[in-house]
Amino acid sequence: MTTRIRLHGGPGDGLTLGIPLGSGRQPPEGILYDPLAISVQDAGAHQAWPDSAAYYKRLEHMADEPWDYEYESEATAPLE
């Protein structure tokens, strides 16, 4: 099953993307958006931090899709 997310700030500002839902029926708390590879990955499961990736954190969910994600960091992995 997939859901839609919207990115706010950073290199993905304004993008609405479709991503798979996890087992908890919610998208991941944090994601990595890589504008060069045009990909989104679960930040909690990601091992390497690509130089071009930006970290986005899920905001409180108040309504239907899309889920909102706020830009946090481009240079430093916040999960370390």
C-alpha atoms as a PDB file:
ATOM      1  CA  MET A   1       0.000   0.000   0.000  1.00  0.00           C
ATOM      2  CA  THR A   2       1.244   3.511  -0.751  1.00  0.00           C
ATOM      3  CA  THR A   3       0.529   6.990   0.522  1.00  0.00           C
ATOM      4  CA  ARG A   4       1.355  10.518  -0.557  1.00  0.00           C
ATOM      5  CA  ILE A   5       3.782  12.827   1.246  1.00  0.00           C
ATOM      6  CA  ARG A   6       4.528  16.527   0.725  1.00  0.00           C
ATOM      7  CA  LEU A   7       7.987  18.016   1.309  1.00  0.00           C
ATOM      8  CA  HIS A   8       8.371  21.488   2.852  1.00  0.00           C
ATOM      9  CA  GLY A   9      11.655  23.410   2.585  1.00  0.00           C
ATOM     10  CA  GLY A  10      15.046  22.289   1.316  1.00  0.00           C
ATOM     11  CA  PRO A  11      15.730  20.851  -2.134  1.00  0.00           C
ATOM     12  CA  GLY A  12      12.384  19.013  -2.349  1.00  0.00           C
ATOM     13  CA  ASP A  13      10.217  21.998  -1.391  1.00  0.00           C
ATOM     14  CA  GLY A  14       6.707  21.658  -2.769  1.00  0.00           C
ATOM     15  CA  LEU A  15       7.075  18.092  -4.060  1.00  0.00           C
ATOM     16  CA  THR A  16       4.293  15.589  -3.467  1.00  0.00           C
ATOM     17  CA  LEU A  17       5.530  12.004  -3.731  1.00  0.00           C
ATOM     18  CA  GLY A  18       4.088   8.520  -3.396  1.00  0.00           C
ATOM     19  CA  ILE A  19       5.865   6.160  -0.979  1.00  0.00           C
ATOM     20  CA  PRO A  20       5.088   2.679   0.413  1.00  0.00           C
ATOM     21  CA  LEU A  21       3.579   2.447   3.889  1.00  0.00           C
ATOM     22  CA  GLY A  22       5.368   0.558   6.633  1.00  0.00           C
ATOM     23  CA  SER A  23       3.884  -2.175   8.763  1.00  0.00           C
ATOM     24  CA  GLY A  24       2.366   0.444  11.106  1.00  0.00           C
ATOM     25  CA  ARG A  25       0.276   1.845   8.212  1.00  0.00           C
ATOM     26  CA  GLN A  26       2.168   5.138   8.483  1.00  0.00           C
ATOM     27  CA  PRO A  27       5.051   6.511   6.445  1.00  0.00           C
ATOM     28  CA  PRO A  28       8.451   6.592   8.198  1.00  0.00           C
ATOM     29  CA  GLU A  29       9.145   9.281  10.811  1.00  0.00           C
ATOM     30  CA  GLY A  30      12.167  10.481   8.853  1.00  0.00           C
ATOM     31  CA  ILE A  31      13.074  10.194   5.194  1.00  0.00           C
ATOM     32  CA  LEU A  32      16.056  10.938   2.989  1.00  0.00           C
ATOM     33  CA  TYR A  33      15.217  12.692  -0.266  1.00  0.00           C
ATOM     34  CA  ASP A  34      18.016  12.567  -2.825  1.00  0.00           C
ATOM     35  CA  PRO A  35      17.343  15.121  -5.579  1.00  0.00           C
ATOM     36  CA  LEU A  36      20.163  13.783  -7.766  1.00  0.00           C
ATOM     37  CA  ALA A  37      18.831  10.221  -7.747  1.00  0.00           C
ATOM     38  CA  ILE A  38      15.203  11.419  -7.429  1.00  0.00           C
ATOM     39  CA  SER A  39      14.590   8.898  -4.644  1.00  0.00           C
ATOM     40  CA  VAL A  40      13.085   8.740  -1.159  1.00  0.00           C
ATOM     41  CA  GLN A  41      14.298   6.293   1.504  1.00  0.00           C
ATOM     42  CA  ASP A  42      13.363   5.534   5.104  1.00  0.00           C
ATOM     43  CA  ALA A  43      16.038   7.373   7.116  1.00  0.00           C
ATOM     44  CA  GLY A  44      15.827   4.818   9.936  1.00  0.00           C
ATOM     45  CA  ALA A  45      16.752   1.942   7.624  1.00  0.00           C
ATOM     46  CA  HIS A  46      19.323   3.813   5.555  1.00  0.00           C
ATOM     47  CA  GLN A  47      22.992   2.991   6.188  1.00  0.00           C
ATOM     48  CA  ALA A  48      24.871   5.477   3.984  1.00  0.00           C
ATOM     49  CA  TRP A  49      24.208   9.225   3.880  1.00  0.00           C
ATOM     50  CA  PRO A  50      24.623  10.408   0.254  1.00  0.00           C
ATOM     51  CA  ASP A  51      26.161  13.874  -0.067  1.00  0.00           C
ATOM     52  CA  SER A  52      23.194  15.049  -2.128  1.00  0.00           C
ATOM     53  CA  ALA A  53      20.515  13.745   0.287  1.00  0.00           C
ATOM     54  CA  ALA A  54      18.337  15.921   2.507  1.00  0.00           C
ATOM     55  CA  TYR A  55      16.666  14.746   5.721  1.00  0.00           C
ATOM     56  CA  TYR A  56      12.949  15.428   6.245  1.00  0.00           C
ATOM     57  CA  LYS A  57      10.996  14.726   9.433  1.00  0.00           C
ATOM     58  CA  ARG A  58       7.290  13.836   9.461  1.00  0.00           C
ATOM     59  CA  LEU A  59       5.046  16.461  11.054  1.00  0.00           C
ATOM     60  CA  GLU A  60       1.993  15.783  13.206  1.00  0.00           C
ATOM     61  CA  HIS A  61      -0.683  14.295  10.946  1.00  0.00           C
ATOM     62  CA  MET A  62      -3.984  16.161  11.209  1.00  0.00           C
ATOM     63  CA  ALA A  63      -5.961  15.150   8.116  1.00  0.00           C
ATOM     64  CA  ASP A  64      -5.996  12.868   5.097  1.00  0.00           C
ATOM     65  CA  GLU A  65      -3.135  12.552   2.654  1.00  0.00           C
ATOM     66  CA  PRO A  66      -0.665  13.936   1.911  1.00  0.00           C
ATOM     67  CA  TRP A  67       1.505  13.551   5.018  1.00  0.00           C
ATOM     68  CA  ASP A  68       3.684  16.634   5.587  1.00  0.00           C
ATOM     69  CA  TYR A  69       7.460  16.446   6.018  1.00  0.00           C
ATOM     70  CA  GLU A  70       9.631  19.384   7.130  1.00  0.00           C
ATOM     71  CA  TYR A  71      13.207  19.868   5.930  1.00  0.00           C
ATOM     72  CA  GLU A  72      15.754  19.320   8.722  1.00  0.00           C
ATOM     73  CA  SER A  73      19.267  18.913   7.346  1.00  0.00           C
ATOM     74  CA  GLU A  74      21.266  18.606   4.161  1.00  0.00           C
ATOM     75  CA  ALA A  75      24.809  18.075   5.421  1.00  0.00           C
ATOM     76  CA  THR A  76      24.631  16.119   8.696  1.00  0.00           C
ATOM     77  CA  ALA A  77      22.776  12.893   9.358  1.00  0.00           C
ATOM     78  CA  PRO A  78      20.514  13.642  12.366  1.00  0.00           C
ATOM     79  CA  LEU A  79      20.195   9.944  13.237  1.00  0.00           C
ATOM     80  CA  GLU A  80      23.823   9.397  14.215  1.00  0.00           C
END
